Each structure stands twice: as structure tokens, then as C-alpha cells.
Amino acid sequence: MTRAGPPGRAHWEELFAAGHGFRGTDEHELRLLTDAVRPGPGTRALDVGCGLGGYAAALAGLGCDTLAVDWSEAAVAAARDRYTDLAPRLRVRRLDFTDATEAATLPPRSFDLVTMRLVLAFLPDKAAVAELVRTLLAPGGVWLVTSSLTGRLPEARRSIGLTPEDVATVTDGWRRGHWYDLEPGGPRCFVLRD
């Protein structure tokens, strides 16, 4: 059986315009993030595929200077509206991370932390994404990828997870890395350092 392709832009615009997003960020997830990455005041963070902005807001709440980007106009508008009180520590802008021209507007070597929470499975060229993230990370920076894994998902939902091949592609070539699960059988977080 072939794996279903990711939903298109119209799907995401409709989903976010209706105020729907993915799994919310809870204290347990933030505690695991803090233990793994140690973000805080002065950390320059980029949250790719921010959706409605909850994770980016959590990063800003930890003291990170956070830029949240998403390709969906509806998501960006919702995130701006929901978290105006966090400006200027949280900035939100529309950006298609898979478009090389748009991604080139991000300053190289300027982020201590790049996060992709429940988004990497939807990006078509995982190797290109990993290479782009490497160009954006400052020396000693961390790429934190949170994703479901296809082996843990029912057949009908496998398009929202990373395959073993995807995991190998994105974790290859990093100087150090480890992973942890948000809960047993749940999304996995990869912590990659170049």
C-alpha cells in the first residue's frame, strides 16, 4: 500500500482559519524541552511551521527571542492575534520554508535553536530541510524535531509521521544527537547538534 501524500496548502488554510491546530504544548513537554536544550533568556529561536503559535509562545515564555514562521496566512494571523502580549520577544511572519527564495530571507548562522514541532513529516525534501537548518544555526546551535513515527501510527494516519528512512535522512551527519519520547508510543523528539 502506498503512503498518502501530505495535505495541500488549502487544507491548512482552512484548518487554521477555523482555529484548529495539532496537539497542544503542556508542562511535561516544556520540562523535557528545557532538560534537553536549556533554552532561556538570550536564546534566539526559530519555530518553523508554527501553526497557531502555541509552541512558539511557550519558547517566548521561557525567555527565548522567538521568530515563528508558517506558510499559512491564517496560521500567522491567528498566532499574531493570540500572542500580541509576547511581542517583541515573539515575532510571527509568513514564510514558506520549502521555498528557497523565501528561506534565503532568514539570516544565516543566527539561531541558537530551530524547532519543528509536528511539521517535518509534511515537508517533501527532508535532506534539503536538514541542510537549510544547518545554515541557519549559530555555532553550537540545536535543531529540535518533534514528530510522530509511522511505525507508531495506524495505517490511515501514517502520512503525518516520519518513516525510518526519513529519520535516517534528517539525523545523518550531525555531530551529536539524542532523542526522547513525549510519552511511551507518542511523538519522538530528536535533539541534533552540529
N, C-alpha and C. Protein backbone atom coordinates (compact mmCIF):
# COMPACT_ATOMS: atom_id res chain seq x y z
N MET A 1 0.84 -1.17 0.00
CA MET A 1 0.00 0.00 0.00
C MET A 1 0.89 1.25 0.00
N THR A 2 0.57 2.22 -0.83
CA THR A 2 1.39 3.43 -0.89
C THR A 2 0.96 4.40 0.20
N ARG A 3 1.89 5.18 0.63
CA ARG A 3 1.66 6.16 1.67
C ARG A 3 0.95 7.37 1.07
N ALA A 4 -0.11 7.84 1.72
CA ALA A 4 -0.83 9.02 1.23
C ALA A 4 0.07 10.24 1.32
N GLY A 5 -0.08 11.13 0.37
CA GLY A 5 0.71 12.35 0.37
C GLY A 5 0.20 13.35 1.39
N PRO A 6 1.01 14.35 1.69
CA PRO A 6 0.60 15.34 2.68
C PRO A 6 -0.52 16.24 2.15
N PRO A 7 -1.31 16.78 3.05
CA PRO A 7 -2.38 17.69 2.63
C PRO A 7 -1.78 18.95 2.00
N GLY A 8 -2.54 19.57 1.11
CA GLY A 8 -2.09 20.78 0.44
C GLY A 8 -2.34 22.04 1.24
N ARG A 9 -1.90 23.15 0.68
CA ARG A 9 -2.00 24.45 1.34
C ARG A 9 -3.44 24.82 1.69
N ALA A 10 -4.38 24.54 0.81
CA ALA A 10 -5.78 24.89 1.07
C ALA A 10 -6.29 24.19 2.34
N HIS A 11 -5.88 22.94 2.53
CA HIS A 11 -6.28 22.21 3.73
C HIS A 11 -5.81 22.94 4.99
N TRP A 12 -4.56 23.37 4.99
CA TRP A 12 -4.00 24.04 6.18
C TRP A 12 -4.65 25.40 6.40
N GLU A 13 -4.87 26.14 5.33
CA GLU A 13 -5.53 27.45 5.49
C GLU A 13 -6.90 27.28 6.13
N GLU A 14 -7.66 26.30 5.66
CA GLU A 14 -9.00 26.04 6.20
C GLU A 14 -8.92 25.59 7.67
N LEU A 15 -8.00 24.69 7.96
CA LEU A 15 -7.83 24.18 9.31
C LEU A 15 -7.49 25.30 10.29
N PHE A 16 -6.49 26.11 9.95
CA PHE A 16 -6.06 27.17 10.85
C PHE A 16 -7.07 28.30 10.93
N ALA A 17 -7.75 28.61 9.82
CA ALA A 17 -8.78 29.66 9.84
C ALA A 17 -9.91 29.28 10.79
N ALA A 18 -10.17 27.98 10.92
CA ALA A 18 -11.21 27.50 11.84
C ALA A 18 -10.70 27.41 13.28
N GLY A 19 -9.43 27.75 13.50
CA GLY A 19 -8.87 27.73 14.84
C GLY A 19 -8.40 26.37 15.31
N HIS A 20 -8.24 25.42 14.37
CA HIS A 20 -7.80 24.08 14.73
C HIS A 20 -6.30 23.95 14.51
N GLY A 21 -5.66 23.30 15.43
CA GLY A 21 -4.24 23.02 15.30
C GLY A 21 -3.98 21.60 15.73
N PHE A 22 -2.72 21.28 15.97
CA PHE A 22 -2.35 19.96 16.43
C PHE A 22 -2.34 19.94 17.96
N ARG A 23 -1.74 18.94 18.47
CA ARG A 23 -1.58 18.71 19.89
C ARG A 23 -1.04 19.95 20.60
N GLY A 24 -1.66 20.32 21.71
CA GLY A 24 -1.20 21.46 22.49
C GLY A 24 0.09 21.17 23.23
N THR A 25 0.76 22.21 23.65
CA THR A 25 2.00 22.10 24.41
C THR A 25 1.65 22.10 25.89
N ASP A 26 2.15 21.11 26.63
CA ASP A 26 1.86 21.07 28.07
C ASP A 26 3.15 21.22 28.88
N GLU A 27 2.99 21.29 30.19
CA GLU A 27 4.14 21.48 31.09
C GLU A 27 5.15 20.33 30.99
N HIS A 28 4.65 19.12 30.81
CA HIS A 28 5.54 17.96 30.69
C HIS A 28 6.45 18.11 29.46
N GLU A 29 5.87 18.50 28.33
CA GLU A 29 6.67 18.69 27.12
C GLU A 29 7.70 19.80 27.30
N LEU A 30 7.29 20.89 27.94
CA LEU A 30 8.22 22.01 28.16
C LEU A 30 9.34 21.62 29.12
N ARG A 31 9.04 20.80 30.11
CA ARG A 31 10.07 20.34 31.04
C ARG A 31 11.10 19.47 30.30
N LEU A 32 10.61 18.58 29.42
CA LEU A 32 11.52 17.76 28.62
C LEU A 32 12.38 18.62 27.69
N LEU A 33 11.76 19.62 27.07
CA LEU A 33 12.49 20.54 26.20
C LEU A 33 13.58 21.26 26.99
N THR A 34 13.22 21.78 28.14
CA THR A 34 14.17 22.52 28.96
C THR A 34 15.33 21.63 29.39
N ASP A 35 15.04 20.39 29.77
CA ASP A 35 16.10 19.46 30.17
C ASP A 35 17.03 19.14 29.00
N ALA A 36 16.47 19.02 27.80
CA ALA A 36 17.27 18.61 26.63
C ALA A 36 18.05 19.75 26.00
N VAL A 37 17.48 20.95 26.01
CA VAL A 37 18.04 22.04 25.22
C VAL A 37 18.53 23.22 26.06
N ARG A 38 17.95 23.41 27.21
CA ARG A 38 18.27 24.53 28.09
C ARG A 38 18.04 25.90 27.43
N PRO A 39 16.86 26.12 26.83
CA PRO A 39 16.59 27.45 26.27
C PRO A 39 16.31 28.44 27.38
N GLY A 40 16.48 29.70 27.08
CA GLY A 40 16.19 30.72 28.08
C GLY A 40 16.51 32.09 27.56
N PRO A 41 16.58 33.08 28.44
CA PRO A 41 16.85 34.44 28.01
C PRO A 41 18.12 34.51 27.16
N GLY A 42 18.01 35.17 26.04
CA GLY A 42 19.13 35.30 25.12
C GLY A 42 19.16 34.25 24.03
N THR A 43 18.40 33.16 24.18
CA THR A 43 18.35 32.13 23.15
C THR A 43 17.56 32.67 21.96
N ARG A 44 18.16 32.62 20.79
CA ARG A 44 17.49 33.05 19.56
C ARG A 44 16.88 31.82 18.91
N ALA A 45 15.54 31.77 18.88
CA ALA A 45 14.83 30.58 18.42
C ALA A 45 14.05 30.86 17.14
N LEU A 46 13.98 29.86 16.29
CA LEU A 46 13.16 29.89 15.08
C LEU A 46 12.23 28.69 15.16
N ASP A 47 10.92 28.95 15.17
CA ASP A 47 9.93 27.87 15.19
C ASP A 47 9.33 27.78 13.79
N VAL A 48 9.66 26.70 13.08
CA VAL A 48 9.22 26.50 11.69
C VAL A 48 7.92 25.72 11.68
N GLY A 49 6.93 26.23 10.94
CA GLY A 49 5.62 25.58 10.89
C GLY A 49 4.88 25.83 12.20
N CYS A 50 4.83 27.08 12.62
CA CYS A 50 4.33 27.43 13.95
C CYS A 50 2.84 27.18 14.14
N GLY A 51 2.09 27.01 13.05
CA GLY A 51 0.65 26.82 13.21
C GLY A 51 0.03 27.97 13.97
N LEU A 52 -0.77 27.66 14.97
CA LEU A 52 -1.46 28.70 15.74
C LEU A 52 -0.57 29.37 16.77
N GLY A 53 0.70 28.95 16.86
CA GLY A 53 1.69 29.66 17.65
C GLY A 53 1.90 29.22 19.08
N GLY A 54 1.24 28.17 19.52
CA GLY A 54 1.36 27.75 20.92
C GLY A 54 2.76 27.38 21.35
N TYR A 55 3.47 26.64 20.51
CA TYR A 55 4.83 26.22 20.86
C TYR A 55 5.78 27.43 20.84
N ALA A 56 5.63 28.28 19.83
CA ALA A 56 6.46 29.49 19.75
C ALA A 56 6.21 30.38 20.97
N ALA A 57 4.96 30.48 21.39
CA ALA A 57 4.63 31.27 22.58
C ALA A 57 5.28 30.67 23.81
N ALA A 58 5.30 29.34 23.89
CA ALA A 58 5.95 28.67 25.02
C ALA A 58 7.45 28.97 25.03
N LEU A 59 8.08 28.97 23.85
CA LEU A 59 9.50 29.31 23.77
C LEU A 59 9.73 30.75 24.24
N ALA A 60 8.89 31.66 23.76
CA ALA A 60 9.00 33.06 24.20
C ALA A 60 8.77 33.17 25.70
N GLY A 61 7.85 32.37 26.23
CA GLY A 61 7.59 32.35 27.67
C GLY A 61 8.78 31.87 28.48
N LEU A 62 9.63 31.06 27.87
CA LEU A 62 10.86 30.62 28.52
C LEU A 62 11.96 31.67 28.42
N GLY A 63 11.68 32.77 27.72
CA GLY A 63 12.65 33.86 27.59
C GLY A 63 13.34 33.92 26.25
N CYS A 64 13.03 32.99 25.34
CA CYS A 64 13.69 32.99 24.03
C CYS A 64 13.20 34.15 23.18
N ASP A 65 14.12 34.72 22.42
CA ASP A 65 13.77 35.69 21.37
C ASP A 65 13.35 34.85 20.18
N THR A 66 12.05 34.75 19.91
CA THR A 66 11.50 33.75 19.01
C THR A 66 10.90 34.35 17.75
N LEU A 67 11.31 33.80 16.61
CA LEU A 67 10.68 34.09 15.33
C LEU A 67 9.89 32.85 14.94
N ALA A 68 8.59 33.01 14.77
CA ALA A 68 7.71 31.91 14.38
C ALA A 68 7.29 32.11 12.94
N VAL A 69 7.43 31.06 12.11
CA VAL A 69 7.07 31.17 10.70
C VAL A 69 6.14 30.03 10.30
N ASP A 70 5.27 30.32 9.36
CA ASP A 70 4.39 29.31 8.80
C ASP A 70 4.03 29.75 7.39
N TRP A 71 3.73 28.79 6.53
CA TRP A 71 3.37 29.13 5.15
C TRP A 71 1.90 29.53 5.05
N SER A 72 1.12 29.31 6.09
CA SER A 72 -0.31 29.61 6.09
C SER A 72 -0.58 31.02 6.59
N GLU A 73 -1.24 31.82 5.77
CA GLU A 73 -1.64 33.18 6.18
C GLU A 73 -2.56 33.12 7.39
N ALA A 74 -3.49 32.15 7.39
CA ALA A 74 -4.44 32.02 8.50
C ALA A 74 -3.73 31.70 9.80
N ALA A 75 -2.73 30.82 9.75
CA ALA A 75 -1.97 30.47 10.95
C ALA A 75 -1.22 31.68 11.49
N VAL A 76 -0.56 32.41 10.61
CA VAL A 76 0.21 33.58 11.02
C VAL A 76 -0.71 34.63 11.65
N ALA A 77 -1.84 34.89 11.03
CA ALA A 77 -2.79 35.86 11.57
C ALA A 77 -3.29 35.43 12.95
N ALA A 78 -3.61 34.14 13.10
CA ALA A 78 -4.10 33.63 14.38
C ALA A 78 -3.03 33.74 15.46
N ALA A 79 -1.80 33.36 15.12
CA ALA A 79 -0.71 33.42 16.10
C ALA A 79 -0.44 34.86 16.53
N ARG A 80 -0.46 35.78 15.59
CA ARG A 80 -0.26 37.19 15.94
C ARG A 80 -1.35 37.68 16.87
N ASP A 81 -2.60 37.34 16.53
CA ASP A 81 -3.73 37.79 17.34
C ASP A 81 -3.70 37.19 18.75
N ARG A 82 -3.35 35.93 18.86
CA ARG A 82 -3.37 35.24 20.15
C ARG A 82 -2.26 35.68 21.09
N TYR A 83 -1.13 36.10 20.54
CA TYR A 83 0.05 36.32 21.39
C TYR A 83 0.64 37.71 21.25
N THR A 84 -0.21 38.71 21.04
CA THR A 84 0.29 40.09 20.92
C THR A 84 1.02 40.53 22.19
N ASP A 85 0.64 39.98 23.33
CA ASP A 85 1.26 40.37 24.59
C ASP A 85 2.71 39.90 24.71
N LEU A 86 3.13 38.99 23.83
CA LEU A 86 4.50 38.49 23.89
C LEU A 86 5.47 39.25 22.97
N ALA A 87 4.94 40.17 22.16
CA ALA A 87 5.82 40.98 21.30
C ALA A 87 6.62 41.92 22.19
N PRO A 88 7.85 42.24 21.89
CA PRO A 88 8.61 41.86 20.71
C PRO A 88 9.40 40.55 20.86
N ARG A 89 9.28 39.89 22.04
CA ARG A 89 10.03 38.63 22.22
C ARG A 89 9.54 37.55 21.25
N LEU A 90 8.27 37.63 20.83
CA LEU A 90 7.72 36.71 19.84
C LEU A 90 7.31 37.51 18.61
N ARG A 91 7.91 37.16 17.47
CA ARG A 91 7.55 37.76 16.19
C ARG A 91 7.03 36.63 15.31
N VAL A 92 6.01 36.92 14.51
CA VAL A 92 5.41 35.91 13.65
C VAL A 92 5.38 36.45 12.23
N ARG A 93 5.78 35.61 11.27
CA ARG A 93 5.71 36.05 9.88
C ARG A 93 5.41 34.87 8.96
N ARG A 94 4.82 35.19 7.83
CA ARG A 94 4.52 34.16 6.83
C ARG A 94 5.78 33.87 6.05
N LEU A 95 6.14 32.61 5.98
CA LEU A 95 7.31 32.18 5.24
C LEU A 95 7.15 30.71 4.89
N ASP A 96 7.37 30.40 3.62
CA ASP A 96 7.34 29.01 3.16
C ASP A 96 8.76 28.48 3.25
N PHE A 97 9.01 27.64 4.24
CA PHE A 97 10.35 27.12 4.50
C PHE A 97 10.85 26.24 3.37
N THR A 98 9.94 25.72 2.55
CA THR A 98 10.34 24.85 1.43
C THR A 98 10.67 25.65 0.17
N ASP A 99 10.43 26.95 0.18
CA ASP A 99 10.73 27.81 -0.96
C ASP A 99 12.11 28.43 -0.73
N ALA A 100 13.08 28.06 -1.54
CA ALA A 100 14.47 28.50 -1.33
C ALA A 100 14.60 30.02 -1.31
N THR A 101 13.84 30.71 -2.15
CA THR A 101 13.92 32.17 -2.19
C THR A 101 13.42 32.77 -0.89
N GLU A 102 12.30 32.27 -0.40
CA GLU A 102 11.76 32.79 0.87
C GLU A 102 12.67 32.41 2.03
N ALA A 103 13.15 31.18 2.06
CA ALA A 103 14.01 30.73 3.16
C ALA A 103 15.31 31.52 3.19
N ALA A 104 15.77 32.00 2.02
CA ALA A 104 17.01 32.78 1.95
C ALA A 104 16.89 34.12 2.66
N THR A 105 15.68 34.55 2.99
CA THR A 105 15.50 35.81 3.72
C THR A 105 15.81 35.65 5.20
N LEU A 106 15.96 34.41 5.67
CA LEU A 106 16.35 34.18 7.06
C LEU A 106 17.86 34.34 7.18
N PRO A 107 18.32 35.06 8.18
CA PRO A 107 19.76 35.30 8.29
C PRO A 107 20.52 34.03 8.68
N PRO A 108 21.58 33.71 7.94
CA PRO A 108 22.37 32.51 8.25
C PRO A 108 23.09 32.64 9.59
N ARG A 109 23.30 31.47 10.21
CA ARG A 109 24.06 31.36 11.46
C ARG A 109 23.53 32.26 12.57
N SER A 110 22.21 32.47 12.61
CA SER A 110 21.68 33.44 13.57
C SER A 110 20.72 32.86 14.60
N PHE A 111 20.51 31.54 14.60
CA PHE A 111 19.57 30.94 15.56
C PHE A 111 20.29 29.91 16.42
N ASP A 112 20.06 30.00 17.71
CA ASP A 112 20.62 29.03 18.65
C ASP A 112 19.77 27.76 18.69
N LEU A 113 18.49 27.91 18.33
CA LEU A 113 17.55 26.81 18.39
C LEU A 113 16.59 26.92 17.22
N VAL A 114 16.46 25.84 16.45
CA VAL A 114 15.44 25.75 15.41
C VAL A 114 14.53 24.60 15.80
N THR A 115 13.23 24.88 15.89
CA THR A 115 12.28 23.85 16.26
C THR A 115 11.32 23.57 15.10
N MET A 116 10.97 22.31 14.96
CA MET A 116 9.95 21.87 14.01
C MET A 116 9.09 20.87 14.76
N ARG A 117 7.96 21.34 15.22
CA ARG A 117 7.08 20.51 16.04
C ARG A 117 5.90 20.04 15.20
N LEU A 118 5.88 18.74 14.93
CA LEU A 118 4.79 18.11 14.18
C LEU A 118 4.63 18.71 12.79
N VAL A 119 5.76 19.04 12.16
CA VAL A 119 5.71 19.64 10.82
C VAL A 119 6.61 18.94 9.81
N LEU A 120 7.73 18.37 10.23
CA LEU A 120 8.71 17.84 9.28
C LEU A 120 8.13 16.75 8.39
N ALA A 121 7.22 15.95 8.90
CA ALA A 121 6.62 14.88 8.09
C ALA A 121 5.91 15.43 6.86
N PHE A 122 5.48 16.69 6.91
CA PHE A 122 4.73 17.30 5.80
C PHE A 122 5.63 17.99 4.78
N LEU A 123 6.92 18.11 5.07
CA LEU A 123 7.85 18.78 4.16
C LEU A 123 8.44 17.74 3.22
N PRO A 124 8.41 18.00 1.90
CA PRO A 124 8.75 16.95 0.94
C PRO A 124 10.22 16.54 0.90
N ASP A 125 11.15 17.46 0.99
CA ASP A 125 12.57 17.14 0.83
C ASP A 125 13.28 17.27 2.17
N LYS A 126 13.30 16.19 2.92
CA LYS A 126 13.86 16.21 4.28
C LYS A 126 15.36 16.53 4.28
N ALA A 127 16.09 16.05 3.29
CA ALA A 127 17.53 16.32 3.21
C ALA A 127 17.78 17.82 3.00
N ALA A 128 17.00 18.44 2.13
CA ALA A 128 17.14 19.88 1.88
C ALA A 128 16.79 20.68 3.14
N VAL A 129 15.78 20.24 3.87
CA VAL A 129 15.39 20.91 5.11
C VAL A 129 16.54 20.83 6.11
N ALA A 130 17.12 19.64 6.27
CA ALA A 130 18.24 19.48 7.21
C ALA A 130 19.41 20.38 6.83
N GLU A 131 19.71 20.46 5.54
CA GLU A 131 20.81 21.31 5.09
C GLU A 131 20.52 22.78 5.36
N LEU A 132 19.28 23.20 5.11
CA LEU A 132 18.90 24.59 5.38
C LEU A 132 19.01 24.90 6.86
N VAL A 133 18.54 24.00 7.71
CA VAL A 133 18.64 24.22 9.15
C VAL A 133 20.10 24.39 9.56
N ARG A 134 20.98 23.58 9.00
CA ARG A 134 22.41 23.71 9.32
C ARG A 134 22.94 25.11 9.00
N THR A 135 22.47 25.70 7.90
CA THR A 135 22.93 27.05 7.54
C THR A 135 22.38 28.12 8.46
N LEU A 136 21.27 27.84 9.12
CA LEU A 136 20.63 28.84 9.98
C LEU A 136 21.13 28.80 11.42
N LEU A 137 21.64 27.65 11.83
CA LEU A 137 22.09 27.50 13.22
C LEU A 137 23.41 28.22 13.48
N ALA A 138 23.44 28.93 14.59
CA ALA A 138 24.69 29.52 15.06
C ALA A 138 25.59 28.40 15.58
N PRO A 139 26.89 28.64 15.71
CA PRO A 139 27.77 27.61 16.27
C PRO A 139 27.24 27.12 17.62
N GLY A 140 27.18 25.79 17.77
CA GLY A 140 26.65 25.21 19.00
C GLY A 140 25.14 25.13 19.04
N GLY A 141 24.47 25.50 17.93
CA GLY A 141 23.02 25.51 17.90
C GLY A 141 22.40 24.13 17.88
N VAL A 142 21.10 24.09 18.13
CA VAL A 142 20.36 22.83 18.25
C VAL A 142 19.14 22.86 17.33
N TRP A 143 18.92 21.73 16.65
CA TRP A 143 17.70 21.50 15.88
C TRP A 143 16.87 20.51 16.66
N LEU A 144 15.67 20.93 17.07
CA LEU A 144 14.76 20.06 17.80
C LEU A 144 13.58 19.71 16.90
N VAL A 145 13.49 18.45 16.53
CA VAL A 145 12.42 17.94 15.67
C VAL A 145 11.50 17.07 16.52
N THR A 146 10.24 17.43 16.58
CA THR A 146 9.23 16.63 17.27
C THR A 146 8.29 16.07 16.22
N SER A 147 8.15 14.75 16.19
CA SER A 147 7.32 14.14 15.16
C SER A 147 6.78 12.80 15.61
N SER A 148 5.62 12.46 15.08
CA SER A 148 5.13 11.09 15.20
C SER A 148 5.97 10.23 14.27
N LEU A 149 6.01 8.94 14.57
CA LEU A 149 6.73 7.98 13.75
C LEU A 149 5.71 7.05 13.09
N THR A 150 5.93 6.74 11.82
CA THR A 150 4.95 5.93 11.09
C THR A 150 4.69 4.59 11.75
N GLY A 151 5.70 3.98 12.32
CA GLY A 151 5.53 2.68 12.95
C GLY A 151 4.64 2.69 14.18
N ARG A 152 4.35 3.88 14.70
CA ARG A 152 3.51 4.02 15.88
C ARG A 152 2.10 4.48 15.52
N LEU A 153 1.85 4.68 14.26
CA LEU A 153 0.56 5.23 13.82
C LEU A 153 -0.27 4.19 13.10
N PRO A 154 -1.60 4.32 13.18
CA PRO A 154 -2.45 3.44 12.36
C PRO A 154 -2.19 3.72 10.88
N GLU A 155 -2.41 2.73 10.06
CA GLU A 155 -2.16 2.85 8.61
C GLU A 155 -2.73 4.13 8.01
N ALA A 156 -3.95 4.48 8.37
CA ALA A 156 -4.63 5.64 7.78
C ALA A 156 -3.99 6.97 8.17
N ARG A 157 -3.16 6.99 9.22
CA ARG A 157 -2.56 8.25 9.70
C ARG A 157 -1.06 8.32 9.48
N ARG A 158 -0.50 7.38 8.76
CA ARG A 158 0.95 7.34 8.61
C ARG A 158 1.53 8.53 7.84
N SER A 159 0.71 9.24 7.10
CA SER A 159 1.21 10.40 6.36
C SER A 159 1.61 11.54 7.29
N ILE A 160 1.24 11.47 8.56
CA ILE A 160 1.61 12.54 9.50
C ILE A 160 2.86 12.17 10.31
N GLY A 161 3.52 11.08 9.95
CA GLY A 161 4.70 10.65 10.70
C GLY A 161 5.93 10.53 9.83
N LEU A 162 7.06 10.41 10.49
CA LEU A 162 8.33 10.18 9.80
C LEU A 162 8.56 8.68 9.65
N THR A 163 9.01 8.28 8.48
CA THR A 163 9.38 6.89 8.23
C THR A 163 10.78 6.65 8.80
N PRO A 164 11.19 5.40 8.95
CA PRO A 164 12.59 5.15 9.37
C PRO A 164 13.59 5.78 8.40
N GLU A 165 13.27 5.79 7.11
CA GLU A 165 14.16 6.41 6.12
C GLU A 165 14.24 7.93 6.34
N ASP A 166 13.09 8.55 6.65
CA ASP A 166 13.08 9.99 6.94
C ASP A 166 13.97 10.29 8.14
N VAL A 167 13.83 9.49 9.19
CA VAL A 167 14.63 9.69 10.41
C VAL A 167 16.12 9.58 10.08
N ALA A 168 16.49 8.58 9.29
CA ALA A 168 17.90 8.42 8.90
C ALA A 168 18.38 9.63 8.12
N THR A 169 17.54 10.14 7.22
CA THR A 169 17.92 11.29 6.40
C THR A 169 18.17 12.52 7.26
N VAL A 170 17.27 12.82 8.19
CA VAL A 170 17.41 14.06 8.94
C VAL A 170 18.43 13.97 10.07
N THR A 171 18.72 12.78 10.55
CA THR A 171 19.69 12.66 11.65
C THR A 171 21.11 12.40 11.17
N ASP A 172 21.29 12.11 9.90
CA ASP A 172 22.61 11.82 9.34
C ASP A 172 23.49 13.07 9.33
N GLY A 173 24.71 12.91 9.77
CA GLY A 173 25.70 13.97 9.62
C GLY A 173 25.76 14.97 10.76
N TRP A 174 24.94 14.82 11.78
CA TRP A 174 25.01 15.74 12.91
C TRP A 174 26.10 15.25 13.87
N ARG A 175 26.81 16.17 14.45
CA ARG A 175 27.93 15.84 15.32
C ARG A 175 27.46 15.08 16.56
N ARG A 176 26.36 15.54 17.15
CA ARG A 176 25.80 14.86 18.33
C ARG A 176 24.29 14.87 18.22
N GLY A 177 23.69 13.89 18.84
CA GLY A 177 22.24 13.85 18.86
C GLY A 177 21.72 12.81 19.83
N HIS A 178 20.52 13.05 20.29
CA HIS A 178 19.81 12.07 21.10
C HIS A 178 18.32 12.28 20.88
N TRP A 179 17.53 11.41 21.44
CA TRP A 179 16.09 11.55 21.30
C TRP A 179 15.41 11.21 22.60
N TYR A 180 14.17 11.65 22.72
CA TYR A 180 13.31 11.26 23.84
C TYR A 180 11.87 11.27 23.32
N ASP A 181 11.02 10.50 23.97
CA ASP A 181 9.61 10.44 23.61
C ASP A 181 8.81 11.34 24.55
N LEU A 182 7.77 11.99 24.00
CA LEU A 182 6.91 12.80 24.86
C LEU A 182 6.14 11.93 25.84
N GLU A 183 5.77 10.74 25.38
CA GLU A 183 5.21 9.69 26.23
C GLU A 183 5.42 8.37 25.52
N PRO A 184 5.33 7.25 26.21
CA PRO A 184 5.54 5.96 25.54
C PRO A 184 4.61 5.80 24.33
N GLY A 185 5.21 5.50 23.19
CA GLY A 185 4.44 5.31 21.96
C GLY A 185 3.97 6.60 21.31
N GLY A 186 4.32 7.75 21.88
CA GLY A 186 3.88 9.03 21.35
C GLY A 186 4.92 9.68 20.46
N PRO A 187 4.77 10.96 20.18
CA PRO A 187 5.75 11.67 19.35
C PRO A 187 7.16 11.59 19.94
N ARG A 188 8.12 11.54 19.05
CA ARG A 188 9.53 11.48 19.42
C ARG A 188 10.18 12.84 19.14
N CYS A 189 11.08 13.23 20.02
CA CYS A 189 11.82 14.48 19.86
C CYS A 189 13.29 14.15 19.60
N PHE A 190 13.79 14.65 18.47
CA PHE A 190 15.19 14.46 18.11
C PHE A 190 15.93 15.76 18.41
N VAL A 191 17.01 15.66 19.14
CA VAL A 191 17.81 16.81 19.53
C VAL A 191 19.14 16.68 18.80
N LEU A 192 19.35 17.53 17.80
CA LEU A 192 20.50 17.39 16.90
C LEU A 192 21.41 18.62 17.02
N ARG A 193 22.69 18.36 17.19
CA ARG A 193 23.68 19.45 17.34
C ARG A 193 24.76 19.28 16.28
N ASP A 194 25.11 20.38 15.61
CA ASP A 194 26.12 20.33 14.57
C ASP A 194 27.46 20.77 15.12
